[in-house]
Amino acid sequence: MKLLIAIDDIKVFKLERDSEKFKEIDISQNIIKDILDHESSLIFIDYMAKIIWLWYGSKTDSKIKFIAARIAPSIRDVHAIGFKISAIDQDNEPDHFKLLIGI
C-alpha cells in the first residue's frame, strides 16, 4: 500500500548543531527519504495525521537528542498547535512514518 502525500501535507525541519535551532528544509525538489542523515535530528510535521515526528538518526548523540526534544514543542507551537510529538529512532520507525517518507 502506497500513501500519497502532497508537499503541502508535510513540513521538515533539521536541527543545526551550531545554532541549536531547527531550520525548515525545502522539500519541493527532494525525495523526503533522501534527506535522512545518520547524525541528524529532524522534525516532520504530518498535517494529515496531526503528528510531529521527532526523528533521530542512528548516530545522533545524546546531547543533540536532548536539544531537539527541548526545542520540538516550540516548533509545534508555531506550526501545528495541538499536535502530538512522537520521537522515533532510525531503523525503528512505525509503518505510518515509513509510508509518509517513502521507505
Protein backbone atom coordinates (compact mmCIF):
# COMPACT_ATOMS: atom_id res chain seq x y z
CA MET A 1 0.00 0.00 0.00
CA LYS A 2 1.43 3.37 -1.05
CA LEU A 3 0.44 6.56 0.70
CA LEU A 4 0.26 9.63 -1.48
CA ILE A 5 1.45 12.70 0.39
CA ALA A 6 1.19 16.18 -1.05
CA ILE A 7 4.04 18.57 -0.34
CA ASP A 8 1.54 20.82 1.47
CA ASP A 9 0.75 17.98 3.91
CA ILE A 10 4.24 17.85 5.43
CA LYS A 11 6.98 20.20 6.61
CA VAL A 12 10.50 19.15 7.51
CA PHE A 13 12.98 20.84 9.85
CA LYS A 14 16.59 19.94 10.57
CA LEU A 15 18.41 20.74 13.80
CA GLU A 16 21.52 22.79 13.12
CA ARG A 17 24.28 21.78 15.53
CA ASP A 18 25.97 25.17 15.74
CA SER A 19 22.93 27.33 16.39
CA GLU A 20 20.92 24.62 18.18
CA LYS A 21 17.85 25.68 16.20
CA PHE A 22 15.62 23.90 13.73
CA LYS A 23 15.69 25.22 10.17
CA GLU A 24 12.98 24.38 7.66
CA ILE A 25 14.13 22.31 4.70
CA ASP A 26 12.66 22.93 1.26
CA ILE A 27 11.40 19.50 0.25
CA SER A 28 9.76 20.58 -3.01
CA GLN A 29 12.67 19.27 -5.08
CA ASN A 30 13.69 16.31 -2.91
CA ILE A 31 12.56 12.81 -2.20
CA ILE A 32 11.88 13.00 1.51
CA LYS A 33 13.72 9.80 2.39
CA ASP A 34 16.89 11.24 0.77
CA ILE A 35 17.24 13.93 3.46
CA LEU A 36 17.65 11.38 6.26
CA ASP A 37 21.13 11.55 7.76
CA HIS A 38 22.50 9.13 10.39
CA GLU A 39 23.83 12.01 12.52
CA SER A 40 20.83 14.34 12.26
CA SER A 41 17.75 15.16 14.20
CA LEU A 42 14.76 16.06 12.04
CA ILE A 43 11.18 17.14 12.64
CA PHE A 44 8.47 16.04 10.25
CA ILE A 45 5.12 17.78 10.66
CA ASP A 46 2.47 15.39 9.37
CA TYR A 47 -0.60 17.57 8.88
CA MET A 48 -2.82 14.70 7.79
CA ALA A 49 -2.17 12.57 10.88
CA LYS A 50 -1.70 15.62 13.17
CA ILE A 51 1.61 14.30 14.46
CA ILE A 52 5.02 15.85 14.78
CA TRP A 53 7.62 13.15 14.24
CA LEU A 54 10.90 13.89 16.02
CA TRP A 55 13.29 11.63 14.11
CA TYR A 56 16.77 10.74 15.35
CA GLY A 57 19.43 9.31 13.06
CA SER A 58 21.16 6.16 14.29
CA LYS A 59 24.37 8.07 15.12
CA THR A 60 22.74 11.11 16.75
CA ASP A 61 24.48 11.81 20.04
CA SER A 62 22.61 12.24 23.33
CA LYS A 63 23.25 15.99 23.52
CA ILE A 64 21.61 16.58 20.13
CA LYS A 65 18.65 14.36 21.08
CA PHE A 66 18.18 16.34 24.28
CA ILE A 67 18.33 19.68 22.47
CA ALA A 68 15.91 18.50 19.78
CA ALA A 69 13.42 17.24 22.37
CA ARG A 70 13.63 20.52 24.25
CA ILE A 71 13.05 22.64 21.11
CA ALA A 72 10.39 20.50 19.40
CA PRO A 73 7.45 21.99 21.37
CA SER A 74 8.36 25.48 20.10
CA ILE A 75 8.09 24.21 16.51
CA ARG A 76 4.71 22.69 17.37
CA ASP A 77 3.52 25.96 18.93
CA VAL A 78 4.30 27.88 15.74
CA HIS A 79 3.33 25.37 13.02
CA ALA A 80 0.98 22.77 14.47
CA ILE A 81 -0.72 23.72 17.73
CA GLY A 82 -2.22 20.72 19.50
CA PHE A 83 -0.32 18.09 17.50
CA LYS A 84 1.19 15.15 19.35
CA ILE A 85 5.01 14.89 19.34
CA SER A 86 6.32 11.38 18.79
CA ALA A 87 10.06 10.64 19.00
CA ILE A 88 11.37 7.86 16.76
CA ASP A 89 14.78 6.37 16.05
CA GLN A 90 16.20 5.48 12.65
CA ASP A 91 15.55 1.84 11.74
CA ASN A 92 12.76 1.69 14.33
CA GLU A 93 10.18 3.87 12.55
CA PRO A 94 6.48 2.98 12.69
CA ASP A 95 4.79 1.91 9.46
CA HIS A 96 2.86 5.17 9.07
CA PHE A 97 6.09 7.17 9.16
CA LYS A 98 7.72 4.84 6.64
CA LEU A 99 4.80 5.36 4.26
CA LEU A 100 4.90 9.10 4.85
CA ILE A 101 8.52 9.44 3.76
CA GLY A 102 8.55 6.67 1.17
CA ILE A 103 10.69 3.95 2.75
